[in-house]
PDB file of N, CA and C in Angstrom:
ATOM      1  N   MET A   1     -27.573  13.923  -7.926  1.00  0.00           N
ATOM      2  CA  MET A   1     -26.137  13.836  -7.756  1.00  0.00           C
ATOM      3  C   MET A   1     -25.654  12.452  -8.180  1.00  0.00           C
ATOM      4  N   SER A   2     -24.565  12.401  -8.905  1.00  0.00           N
ATOM      5  CA  SER A   2     -24.019  11.126  -9.365  1.00  0.00           C
ATOM      6  C   SER A   2     -23.303  10.399  -8.240  1.00  0.00           C
ATOM      7  N   GLN A   3     -23.342   9.089  -8.310  1.00  0.00           N
ATOM      8  CA  GLN A   3     -22.684   8.248  -7.316  1.00  0.00           C
ATOM      9  C   GLN A   3     -21.221   8.050  -7.691  1.00  0.00           C
ATOM     10  N   GLU A   4     -20.351   7.966  -6.689  1.00  0.00           N
ATOM     11  CA  GLU A   4     -18.941   7.684  -6.933  1.00  0.00           C
ATOM     12  C   GLU A   4     -18.792   6.315  -7.587  1.00  0.00           C
ATOM     13  N   VAL A   5     -17.700   6.151  -8.343  1.00  0.00           N
ATOM     14  CA  VAL A   5     -17.456   4.931  -9.106  1.00  0.00           C
ATOM     15  C   VAL A   5     -16.064   4.413  -8.764  1.00  0.00           C
ATOM     16  N   VAL A   6     -15.957   3.102  -8.543  1.00  0.00           N
ATOM     17  CA  VAL A   6     -14.681   2.442  -8.302  1.00  0.00           C
ATOM     18  C   VAL A   6     -14.350   1.589  -9.520  1.00  0.00           C
ATOM     19  N   VAL A   7     -13.084   1.622  -9.913  1.00  0.00           N
ATOM     20  CA  VAL A   7     -12.630   0.878 -11.094  1.00  0.00           C
ATOM     21  C   VAL A   7     -11.381   0.092 -10.722  1.00  0.00           C
ATOM     22  N   THR A   8     -11.309  -1.142 -11.218  1.00  0.00           N
ATOM     23  CA  THR A   8     -10.051  -1.883 -11.174  1.00  0.00           C
ATOM     24  C   THR A   8      -9.629  -2.152 -12.612  1.00  0.00           C
ATOM     25  N   ALA A   9      -8.350  -2.002 -12.866  1.00  0.00           N
ATOM     26  CA  ALA A   9      -7.784  -2.299 -14.180  1.00  0.00           C
ATOM     27  C   ALA A   9      -6.583  -3.212 -13.949  1.00  0.00           C
ATOM     28  N   VAL A  10      -6.680  -4.461 -14.413  1.00  0.00           N
ATOM     29  CA  VAL A  10      -5.655  -5.475 -14.182  1.00  0.00           C
ATOM     30  C   VAL A  10      -4.816  -5.617 -15.448  1.00  0.00           C
ATOM     31  N   PHE A  11      -3.503  -5.514 -15.279  1.00  0.00           N
ATOM     32  CA  PHE A  11      -2.554  -5.552 -16.394  1.00  0.00           C
ATOM     33  C   PHE A  11      -1.654  -6.778 -16.274  1.00  0.00           C
ATOM     34  N   HIS A  12      -1.566  -7.550 -17.358  1.00  0.00           N
ATOM     35  CA  HIS A  12      -0.699  -8.727 -17.422  1.00  0.00           C
ATOM     36  C   HIS A  12       0.393  -8.445 -18.456  1.00  0.00           C
ATOM     37  N   PRO A  13       1.611  -8.136 -17.987  1.00  0.00           N
ATOM     38  CA  PRO A  13       2.672  -7.807 -18.928  1.00  0.00           C
ATOM     39  C   PRO A  13       3.211  -9.032 -19.661  1.00  0.00           C
ATOM     40  N   VAL A  14       3.775  -8.762 -20.817  1.00  0.00           N
ATOM     41  CA  VAL A  14       4.534  -9.771 -21.547  1.00  0.00           C
ATOM     42  C   VAL A  14       5.679 -10.198 -20.623  1.00  0.00           C
ATOM     43  N   PRO A  15       6.030 -11.492 -20.588  1.00  0.00           N
ATOM     44  CA  PRO A  15       7.142 -11.914 -19.734  1.00  0.00           C
ATOM     45  C   PRO A  15       8.384 -11.044 -19.962  1.00  0.00           C
ATOM     46  N   GLY A  16       8.961 -10.614 -18.858  1.00  0.00           N
ATOM     47  CA  GLY A  16      10.153  -9.789 -18.908  1.00  0.00           C
ATOM     48  C   GLY A  16       9.880  -8.298 -19.069  1.00  0.00           C
ATOM     49  N   GLN A  17       8.615  -7.893 -19.160  1.00  0.00           N
ATOM     50  CA  GLN A  17       8.275  -6.483 -19.399  1.00  0.00           C
ATOM     51  C   GLN A  17       7.566  -5.819 -18.216  1.00  0.00           C
ATOM     52  N   ARG A  18       7.571  -6.460 -17.057  1.00  0.00           N
ATOM     53  CA  ARG A  18       6.878  -5.917 -15.893  1.00  0.00           C
ATOM     54  C   ARG A  18       7.436  -4.545 -15.504  1.00  0.00           C
ATOM     55  N   ALA A  19       8.754  -4.399 -15.474  1.00  0.00           N
ATOM     56  CA  ALA A  19       9.357  -3.125 -15.086  1.00  0.00           C
ATOM     57  C   ALA A  19       9.004  -2.029 -16.090  1.00  0.00           C
ATOM     58  N   ALA A  20       9.057  -2.345 -17.361  1.00  0.00           N
ATOM     59  CA  ALA A  20       8.729  -1.356 -18.392  1.00  0.00           C
ATOM     60  C   ALA A  20       7.262  -0.943 -18.285  1.00  0.00           C
ATOM     61  N   LEU A  21       6.375  -1.908 -18.081  1.00  0.00           N
ATOM     62  CA  LEU A  21       4.955  -1.598 -17.931  1.00  0.00           C
ATOM     63  C   LEU A  21       4.728  -0.751 -16.682  1.00  0.00           C
ATOM     64  N   GLY A  22       5.378  -1.122 -15.590  1.00  0.00           N
ATOM     65  CA  GLY A  22       5.254  -0.345 -14.355  1.00  0.00           C
ATOM     66  C   GLY A  22       5.695   1.096 -14.557  1.00  0.00           C
ATOM     67  N   ALA A  23       6.767   1.295 -15.306  1.00  0.00           N
ATOM     68  CA  ALA A  23       7.249   2.652 -15.573  1.00  0.00           C
ATOM     69  C   ALA A  23       6.232   3.456 -16.378  1.00  0.00           C
ATOM     70  N   VAL A  24       5.594   2.814 -17.357  1.00  0.00           N
ATOM     71  CA  VAL A  24       4.568   3.500 -18.146  1.00  0.00           C
ATOM     72  C   VAL A  24       3.398   3.890 -17.247  1.00  0.00           C
ATOM     73  N   LEU A  25       2.926   2.963 -16.437  1.00  0.00           N
ATOM     74  CA  LEU A  25       1.808   3.254 -15.536  1.00  0.00           C
ATOM     75  C   LEU A  25       2.166   4.384 -14.573  1.00  0.00           C
ATOM     76  N   GLU A  26       3.343   4.305 -13.983  1.00  0.00           N
ATOM     77  CA  GLU A  26       3.773   5.337 -13.047  1.00  0.00           C
ATOM     78  C   GLU A  26       3.879   6.700 -13.720  1.00  0.00           C
ATOM     79  N   SER A  27       4.248   6.731 -14.989  1.00  0.00           N
ATOM     80  CA  SER A  27       4.438   8.009 -15.685  1.00  0.00           C
ATOM     81  C   SER A  27       3.136   8.778 -15.896  1.00  0.00           C
ATOM     82  N   VAL A  28       2.006   8.083 -15.975  1.00  0.00           N
ATOM     83  CA  VAL A  28       0.737   8.779 -16.205  1.00  0.00           C
ATOM     84  C   VAL A  28       0.019   9.168 -14.906  1.00  0.00           C
ATOM     85  N   ILE A  29       0.406   8.559 -13.814  1.00  0.00           N
ATOM     86  CA  ILE A  29      -0.310   8.780 -12.551  1.00  0.00           C
ATOM     87  C   ILE A  29      -0.360  10.250 -12.136  1.00  0.00           C
ATOM     88  N   PRO A  30       0.726  11.004 -12.175  1.00  0.00           N
ATOM     89  CA  PRO A  30       0.622  12.419 -11.771  1.00  0.00           C
ATOM     90  C   PRO A  30      -0.395  13.208 -12.607  1.00  0.00           C
ATOM     91  N   ASP A  31      -0.455  12.952 -13.908  1.00  0.00           N
ATOM     92  CA  ASP A  31      -1.425  13.643 -14.756  1.00  0.00           C
ATOM     93  C   ASP A  31      -2.854  13.245 -14.403  1.00  0.00           C
ATOM     94  N   VAL A  32      -3.080  11.960 -14.157  1.00  0.00           N
ATOM     95  CA  VAL A  32      -4.423  11.494 -13.795  1.00  0.00           C
ATOM     96  C   VAL A  32      -4.850  12.091 -12.463  1.00  0.00           C
ATOM     97  N   HIS A  33      -3.926  12.197 -11.503  1.00  0.00           N
ATOM     98  CA  HIS A  33      -4.269  12.774 -10.200  1.00  0.00           C
ATOM     99  C   HIS A  33      -4.775  14.210 -10.332  1.00  0.00           C
ATOM    100  N   GLU A  34      -4.401  14.899 -11.394  1.00  0.00           N
ATOM    101  CA  GLU A  34      -4.833  16.286 -11.618  1.00  0.00           C
ATOM    102  C   GLU A  34      -6.164  16.377 -12.358  1.00  0.00           C
ATOM    103  N   GLU A  35      -6.687  15.264 -12.866  1.00  0.00           N
ATOM    104  CA  GLU A  35      -7.942  15.287 -13.619  1.00  0.00           C
ATOM    105  C   GLU A  35      -9.128  15.554 -12.691  1.00  0.00           C
ATOM    106  N   ALA A  36     -10.107  16.264 -13.213  1.00  0.00           N
ATOM    107  CA  ALA A  36     -11.333  16.523 -12.470  1.00  0.00           C
ATOM    108  C   ALA A  36     -11.994  15.203 -12.098  1.00  0.00           C
ATOM    109  N   GLY A  37     -12.387  15.083 -10.843  1.00  0.00           N
ATOM    110  CA  GLY A  37     -13.125  13.910 -10.397  1.00  0.00           C
ATOM    111  C   GLY A  37     -12.289  12.755  -9.893  1.00  0.00           C
ATOM    112  N   CYS A  38     -10.963  12.823 -10.022  1.00  0.00           N
ATOM    113  CA  CYS A  38     -10.108  11.725  -9.553  1.00  0.00           C
ATOM    114  C   CYS A  38      -9.992  11.785  -8.036  1.00  0.00           C
ATOM    115  N   LEU A  39     -10.520  10.765  -7.372  1.00  0.00           N
ATOM    116  CA  LEU A  39     -10.420  10.650  -5.920  1.00  0.00           C
ATOM    117  C   LEU A  39      -9.315   9.687  -5.511  1.00  0.00           C
ATOM    118  N   LEU A  40      -9.015   8.717  -6.372  1.00  0.00           N
ATOM    119  CA  LEU A  40      -8.002   7.708  -6.088  1.00  0.00           C
ATOM    120  C   LEU A  40      -7.546   7.114  -7.407  1.00  0.00           C
ATOM    121  N   TYR A  41      -6.253   6.967  -7.581  1.00  0.00           N
ATOM    122  CA  TYR A  41      -5.682   6.315  -8.759  1.00  0.00           C
ATOM    123  C   TYR A  41      -4.363   5.745  -8.284  1.00  0.00           C
ATOM    124  N   ALA A  42      -4.383   4.494  -7.845  1.00  0.00           N
ATOM    125  CA  ALA A  42      -3.261   3.907  -7.123  1.00  0.00           C
ATOM    126  C   ALA A  42      -2.837   2.586  -7.753  1.00  0.00           C
ATOM    127  N   LEU A  43      -1.534   2.414  -7.923  1.00  0.00           N
ATOM    128  CA  LEU A  43      -0.957   1.225  -8.544  1.00  0.00           C
ATOM    129  C   LEU A  43      -0.600   0.196  -7.473  1.00  0.00           C
ATOM    130  N   HIS A  44      -0.929  -1.082  -7.752  1.00  0.00           N
ATOM    131  CA  HIS A  44      -0.662  -2.177  -6.818  1.00  0.00           C
ATOM    132  C   HIS A  44      -0.072  -3.379  -7.556  1.00  0.00           C
ATOM    133  N   GLU A  45       0.674  -4.208  -6.812  1.00  0.00           N
ATOM    134  CA  GLU A  45       1.110  -5.502  -7.314  1.00  0.00           C
ATOM    135  C   GLU A  45       0.093  -6.538  -6.871  1.00  0.00           C
ATOM    136  N   ALA A  46      -0.156  -7.526  -7.723  1.00  0.00           N
ATOM    137  CA  ALA A  46      -1.151  -8.548  -7.387  1.00  0.00           C
ATOM    138  C   ALA A  46      -0.562  -9.945  -7.502  1.00  0.00           C
ATOM    139  N   GLY A  47       0.697 -10.085  -7.252  1.00  0.00           N
ATOM    140  CA  GLY A  47       1.340 -11.387  -7.347  1.00  0.00           C
ATOM    141  C   GLY A  47       1.901 -11.622  -8.732  1.00  0.00           C
ATOM    142  N   GLY A  48       3.035 -12.291  -8.776  1.00  0.00           N
ATOM    143  CA  GLY A  48       3.688 -12.489 -10.062  1.00  0.00           C
ATOM    144  C   GLY A  48       4.010 -11.145 -10.671  1.00  0.00           C
ATOM    145  N   ASP A  49       3.779 -11.020 -11.952  1.00  0.00           N
ATOM    146  CA  ASP A  49       4.037  -9.760 -12.648  1.00  0.00           C
ATOM    147  C   ASP A  49       2.790  -8.902 -12.799  1.00  0.00           C
ATOM    148  N   THR A  50       1.658  -9.346 -12.279  1.00  0.00           N
ATOM    149  CA  THR A  50       0.390  -8.640 -12.465  1.00  0.00           C
ATOM    150  C   THR A  50       0.380  -7.306 -11.722  1.00  0.00           C
ATOM    151  N   LEU A  51      -0.055  -6.264 -12.421  1.00  0.00           N
ATOM    152  CA  LEU A  51      -0.208  -4.932 -11.843  1.00  0.00           C
ATOM    153  C   LEU A  51      -1.678  -4.537 -11.911  1.00  0.00           C
ATOM    154  N   VAL A  52      -2.130  -3.808 -10.892  1.00  0.00           N
ATOM    155  CA  VAL A  52      -3.536  -3.411 -10.816  1.00  0.00           C
ATOM    156  C   VAL A  52      -3.627  -1.933 -10.460  1.00  0.00           C
ATOM    157  N   LEU A  53      -4.404  -1.202 -11.238  1.00  0.00           N
ATOM    158  CA  LEU A  53      -4.771   0.160 -10.869  1.00  0.00           C
ATOM    159  C   LEU A  53      -6.112   0.096 -10.157  1.00  0.00           C
ATOM    160  N   ILE A  54      -6.185   0.706  -8.985  1.00  0.00           N
ATOM    161  CA  ILE A  54      -7.449   0.852  -8.278  1.00  0.00           C
ATOM    162  C   ILE A  54      -7.791   2.334  -8.332  1.00  0.00           C
ATOM    163  N   GLU A  55      -8.980   2.615  -8.844  1.00  0.00           N
ATOM    164  CA  GLU A  55      -9.387   3.993  -9.095  1.00  0.00           C
ATOM    165  C   GLU A  55     -10.703   4.297  -8.387  1.00  0.00           C
ATOM    166  N   LYS A  56     -10.890   5.561  -8.074  1.00  0.00           N
ATOM    167  CA  LYS A  56     -12.174   6.024  -7.562  1.00  0.00           C
ATOM    168  C   LYS A  56     -12.442   7.389  -8.169  1.00  0.00           C
ATOM    169  N   TRP A  57     -13.635   7.530  -8.734  1.00  0.00           N
ATOM    170  CA  TRP A  57     -14.027   8.747  -9.444  1.00  0.00           C
ATOM    171  C   TRP A  57     -15.301   9.313  -8.838  1.00  0.00           C
ATOM    172  N   GLU A  58     -15.439  10.636  -8.896  1.00  0.00           N
ATOM    173  CA  GLU A  58     -16.618  11.303  -8.334  1.00  0.00           C
ATOM    174  C   GLU A  58     -17.907  10.891  -9.023  1.00  0.00           C
ATOM    175  N   SER A  59     -17.833  10.556 -10.315  1.00  0.00           N
ATOM    176  CA  SER A  59     -19.053  10.206 -11.055  1.00  0.00           C
ATOM    177  C   SER A  59     -18.683   9.433 -12.319  1.00  0.00           C
ATOM    178  N   ARG A  60     -19.670   8.782 -12.903  1.00  0.00           N
ATOM    179  CA  ARG A  60     -19.466   8.091 -14.176  1.00  0.00           C
ATOM    180  C   ARG A  60     -19.131   9.082 -15.290  1.00  0.00           C
ATOM    181  N   GLU A  61     -19.689  10.282 -15.207  1.00  0.00           N
ATOM    182  CA  GLU A  61     -19.408  11.294 -16.222  1.00  0.00           C
ATOM    183  C   GLU A  61     -17.931  11.711 -16.194  1.00  0.00           C
ATOM    184  N   LEU A  62     -17.387  11.899 -14.991  1.00  0.00           N
ATOM    185  CA  LEU A  62     -15.980  12.272 -14.882  1.00  0.00           C
ATOM    186  C   LEU A  62     -15.065  11.098 -15.206  1.00  0.00           C
ATOM    187  N   LEU A  63     -15.491   9.881 -14.913  1.00  0.00           N
ATOM    188  CA  LEU A  63     -14.743   8.701 -15.350  1.00  0.00           C
ATOM    189  C   LEU A  63     -14.705   8.648 -16.874  1.00  0.00           C
ATOM    190  N   ALA A  64     -15.825   8.913 -17.525  1.00  0.00           N
ATOM    191  CA  ALA A  64     -15.869   8.908 -18.992  1.00  0.00           C
ATOM    192  C   ALA A  64     -14.921   9.961 -19.563  1.00  0.00           C
ATOM    193  N   ALA A  65     -14.850  11.124 -18.933  1.00  0.00           N
ATOM    194  CA  ALA A  65     -13.912  12.158 -19.382  1.00  0.00           C
ATOM    195  C   ALA A  65     -12.476  11.666 -19.226  1.00  0.00           C
ATOM    196  N   HIS A  66     -12.178  10.995 -18.124  1.00  0.00           N
ATOM    197  CA  HIS A  66     -10.841  10.413 -17.910  1.00  0.00           C
ATOM    198  C   HIS A  66     -10.498   9.429 -19.025  1.00  0.00           C
ATOM    199  N   GLN A  67     -11.459   8.615 -19.409  1.00  0.00           N
ATOM    200  CA  GLN A  67     -11.202   7.603 -20.433  1.00  0.00           C
ATOM    201  C   GLN A  67     -10.877   8.225 -21.789  1.00  0.00           C
ATOM    202  N   ARG A  68     -11.238   9.492 -21.993  1.00  0.00           N
ATOM    203  CA  ARG A  68     -10.921  10.215 -23.232  1.00  0.00           C
ATOM    204  C   ARG A  68      -9.704  11.128 -23.083  1.00  0.00           C
ATOM    205  N   ALA A  69      -9.102  11.157 -21.906  1.00  0.00           N
ATOM    206  CA  ALA A  69      -8.021  12.090 -21.603  1.00  0.00           C
ATOM    207  C   ALA A  69      -6.701  11.683 -22.250  1.00  0.00           C
ATOM    208  N   ASP A  70      -5.823  12.668 -22.387  1.00  0.00           N
ATOM    209  CA  ASP A  70      -4.502  12.447 -22.983  1.00  0.00           C
ATOM    210  C   ASP A  70      -3.698  11.398 -22.224  1.00  0.00           C
ATOM    211  N   ALA A  71      -3.797  11.381 -20.889  1.00  0.00           N
ATOM    212  CA  ALA A  71      -3.024  10.419 -20.096  1.00  0.00           C
ATOM    213  C   ALA A  71      -3.404   8.987 -20.448  1.00  0.00           C
ATOM    214  N   VAL A  72      -4.679   8.724 -20.653  1.00  0.00           N
ATOM    215  CA  VAL A  72      -5.121   7.373 -21.010  1.00  0.00           C
ATOM    216  C   VAL A  72      -4.674   7.025 -22.426  1.00  0.00           C
ATOM    217  N   ALA A  73      -4.756   7.968 -23.336  1.00  0.00           N
ATOM    218  CA  ALA A  73      -4.289   7.722 -24.707  1.00  0.00           C
ATOM    219  C   ALA A  73      -2.795   7.403 -24.700  1.00  0.00           C
ATOM    220  N   ARG A  74      -2.035   8.152 -23.913  1.00  0.00           N
ATOM    221  CA  ARG A  74      -0.592   7.904 -23.809  1.00  0.00           C
ATOM    222  C   ARG A  74      -0.332   6.529 -23.186  1.00  0.00           C
ATOM    223  N   LEU A  75      -1.052   6.196 -22.125  1.00  0.00           N
ATOM    224  CA  LEU A  75      -0.911   4.886 -21.487  1.00  0.00           C
ATOM    225  C   LEU A  75      -1.200   3.770 -22.479  1.00  0.00           C
ATOM    226  N   ASN A  76      -2.300   3.878 -23.195  1.00  0.00           N
ATOM    227  CA  ASN A  76      -2.671   2.838 -24.159  1.00  0.00           C
ATOM    228  C   ASN A  76      -1.614   2.674 -25.246  1.00  0.00           C
ATOM    229  N   ALA A  77      -1.095   3.771 -25.746  1.00  0.00           N
ATOM    230  CA  ALA A  77      -0.094   3.711 -26.822  1.00  0.00           C
ATOM    231  C   ALA A  77       1.220   3.113 -26.328  1.00  0.00           C
ATOM    232  N   GLU A  78       1.682   3.563 -25.177  1.00  0.00           N
ATOM    233  CA  GLU A  78       2.984   3.124 -24.665  1.00  0.00           C
ATOM    234  C   GLU A  78       2.950   1.712 -24.094  1.00  0.00           C
ATOM    235  N   ALA A  79       1.797   1.254 -23.627  1.00  0.00           N
ATOM    236  CA  ALA A  79       1.702  -0.073 -23.011  1.00  0.00           C
ATOM    237  C   ALA A  79       1.323  -1.164 -24.001  1.00  0.00           C
ATOM    238  N   ALA A  80       0.861  -0.816 -25.176  1.00  0.00           N
ATOM    239  CA  ALA A  80       0.320  -1.798 -26.126  1.00  0.00           C
ATOM    240  C   ALA A  80       1.246  -2.985 -26.357  1.00  0.00           C
ATOM    241  N   GLU A  81       2.508  -2.747 -26.589  1.00  0.00           N
ATOM    242  CA  GLU A  81       3.456  -3.827 -26.883  1.00  0.00           C
ATOM    243  C   GLU A  81       3.963  -4.535 -25.622  1.00  0.00           C
ATOM    244  N   LEU A  82       3.604  -4.013 -24.471  1.00  0.00           N
ATOM    245  CA  LEU A  82       4.084  -4.574 -23.206  1.00  0.00           C
ATOM    246  C   LEU A  82       3.076  -5.519 -22.558  1.00  0.00           C
ATOM    247  N   LEU A  83       1.875  -5.625 -23.135  1.00  0.00           N
ATOM    248  CA  LEU A  83       0.789  -6.397 -22.534  1.00  0.00           C
ATOM    249  C   LEU A  83       0.533  -7.705 -23.266  1.00  0.00           C
ATOM    250  N   GLN A  84       0.246  -8.760 -22.499  1.00  0.00           N
ATOM    251  CA  GLN A  84      -0.151 -10.046 -23.075  1.00  0.00           C
ATOM    252  C   GLN A  84      -1.546  -9.975 -23.671  1.00  0.00           C
ATOM    253  N   SER A  85      -2.404  -9.133 -23.063  1.00  0.00           N
ATOM    254  CA  SER A  85      -3.801  -8.990 -23.475  1.00  0.00           C
ATOM    255  C   SER A  85      -4.276  -7.621 -23.008  1.00  0.00           C
ATOM    256  N   PRO A  86      -5.417  -7.156 -23.509  1.00  0.00           N
ATOM    257  CA  PRO A  86      -5.941  -5.875 -23.025  1.00  0.00           C
ATOM    258  C   PRO A  86      -6.182  -5.930 -21.514  1.00  0.00           C
ATOM    259  N   PRO A  87      -6.075  -4.784 -20.844  1.00  0.00           N
ATOM    260  CA  PRO A  87      -6.353  -4.766 -19.399  1.00  0.00           C
ATOM    261  C   PRO A  87      -7.773  -5.248 -19.112  1.00  0.00           C
ATOM    262  N   GLU A  88      -7.930  -5.910 -17.973  1.00  0.00           N
ATOM    263  CA  GLU A  88      -9.246  -6.360 -17.518  1.00  0.00           C
ATOM    264  C   GLU A  88      -9.814  -5.252 -16.636  1.00  0.00           C
ATOM    265  N   VAL A  89     -10.792  -4.514 -17.158  1.00  0.00           N
ATOM    266  CA  VAL A  89     -11.336  -3.355 -16.462  1.00  0.00           C
ATOM    267  C   VAL A  89     -12.731  -3.679 -15.934  1.00  0.00           C
ATOM    268  N   VAL A  90     -12.932  -3.401 -14.637  1.00  0.00           N
ATOM    269  CA  VAL A  90     -14.235  -3.593 -13.997  1.00  0.00           C
ATOM    270  C   VAL A  90     -14.626  -2.271 -13.358  1.00  0.00           C
ATOM    271  N   THR A  91     -15.839  -1.804 -13.667  1.00  0.00           N
ATOM    272  CA  THR A  91     -16.376  -0.565 -13.108  1.00  0.00           C
ATOM    273  C   THR A  91     -17.484  -0.926 -12.130  1.00  0.00           C
ATOM    274  N   MET A  92     -17.420  -0.337 -10.920  1.00  0.00           N
ATOM    275  CA  MET A  92     -18.337  -0.730  -9.845  1.00  0.00           C
ATOM    276  C   MET A  92     -18.949   0.469  -9.147  1.00  0.00           C
ATOM    277  N   SER A  93     -20.140   0.280  -8.623  1.00  0.00           N
ATOM    278  CA  SER A  93     -20.789   1.242  -7.738  1.00  0.00           C
ATOM    279  C   SER A  93     -20.882   0.599  -6.358  1.00  0.00           C
ATOM    280  N   ALA A  94     -20.557   1.375  -5.344  1.00  0.00           N
ATOM    281  CA  ALA A  94     -20.527   0.843  -3.983  1.00  0.00           C
ATOM    282  C   ALA A  94     -21.926   0.502  -3.469  1.00  0.00           C
ATOM    283  N   LEU A  95     -21.983  -0.537  -2.668  1.00  0.00           N
ATOM    284  CA  LEU A  95     -23.170  -0.909  -1.900  1.00  0.00           C
ATOM    285  C   LEU A  95     -22.763  -0.854  -0.430  1.00  0.00           C
ATOM    286  N   PRO A  96     -22.660   0.372   0.120  1.00  0.00           N
ATOM    287  CA  PRO A  96     -22.147   0.527   1.489  1.00  0.00           C
ATOM    288  C   PRO A  96     -22.943  -0.275   2.510  1.00  0.00           C
ATOM    289  N   CYS A  97     -22.227  -0.914   3.417  1.00  0.00           N
ATOM    290  CA  CYS A  97     -22.862  -1.656   4.486  1.00  0.00           C
ATOM    291  C   CYS A  97     -21.877  -1.789   5.647  1.00  0.00           C
ATOM    292  N   GLY A  98     -22.404  -2.104   6.798  1.00  0.00           N
ATOM    293  CA  GLY A  98     -21.544  -2.257   7.971  1.00  0.00           C
ATOM    294  C   GLY A  98     -21.053  -0.914   8.465  1.00  0.00           C
ATOM    295  N   HIS A  99     -19.827  -0.894   8.895  1.00  0.00           N
ATOM    296  CA  HIS A  99     -19.188   0.311   9.445  1.00  0.00           C
ATOM    297  C   HIS A  99     -19.158   1.424   8.402  1.00  0.00           C
ATOM    298  N   GLN A 100     -19.448   2.641   8.811  1.00  0.00           N
ATOM    299  CA  GLN A 100     -19.579   3.767   7.879  1.00  0.00           C
ATOM    300  C   GLN A 100     -18.323   3.980   7.032  1.00  0.00           C
ATOM    301  N   THR A 101     -17.131   3.838   7.618  1.00  0.00           N
ATOM    302  CA  THR A 101     -15.911   4.072   6.846  1.00  0.00           C
ATOM    303  C   THR A 101     -15.255   2.794   6.348  1.00  0.00           C
ATOM    304  N   LYS A 102     -15.574   1.662   6.939  1.00  0.00           N
ATOM    305  CA  LYS A 102     -14.963   0.404   6.518  1.00  0.00           C
ATOM    306  C   LYS A 102     -15.796  -0.362   5.523  1.00  0.00           C
ATOM    307  N   GLY A 103     -17.027   0.047   5.325  1.00  0.00           N
ATOM    308  CA  GLY A 103     -17.934  -0.680   4.459  1.00  0.00           C
ATOM    309  C   GLY A 103     -18.004  -0.179   3.031  1.00  0.00           C
ATOM    310  N   GLN A 104     -17.077   0.735   2.671  1.00  0.00           N
ATOM    311  CA  GLN A 104     -17.019   1.204   1.281  1.00  0.00           C
ATOM    312  C   GLN A 104     -15.633   1.736   0.986  1.00  0.00           C
ATOM    313  N   LEU A 105     -15.280   1.737  -0.264  1.00  0.00           N
ATOM    314  CA  LEU A 105     -13.966   2.218  -0.678  1.00  0.00           C
ATOM    315  C   LEU A 105     -14.059   3.694  -0.981  1.00  0.00           C
TER     316      LEU A 105
END
C-alpha cells in the first residue's frame, strides 16, 4: 500500500497581482477536490502577498496523476504572468510521532 503524501506549493505573485493570483488558485480548487486521491487541497496566506497550497494525497501515484490533470495545466497557464518565479513545491512523506492525531497531517 502506498503512503500518503503531503505537498506545499508556495506562490509569490508579481507586486499588485495577489488578488488575481488568488482568484486563479481558487478557481481550480473545486476541480482538484474531485480528483481521485485528493485528501486535502487548501489555500493559505503566509504573510505579505505569499500564498500557499497545502495538499494531501492518498499516494505518490495519485499525486502524479494530479500533476498531469487539466486543473493543474489551467493553473499553470493562467498564473504564469502573475508569478515572480515558479512555485516552490515540496513533497513530503509523514514521519508520525507523538499523539496519534496530532503527530501527522
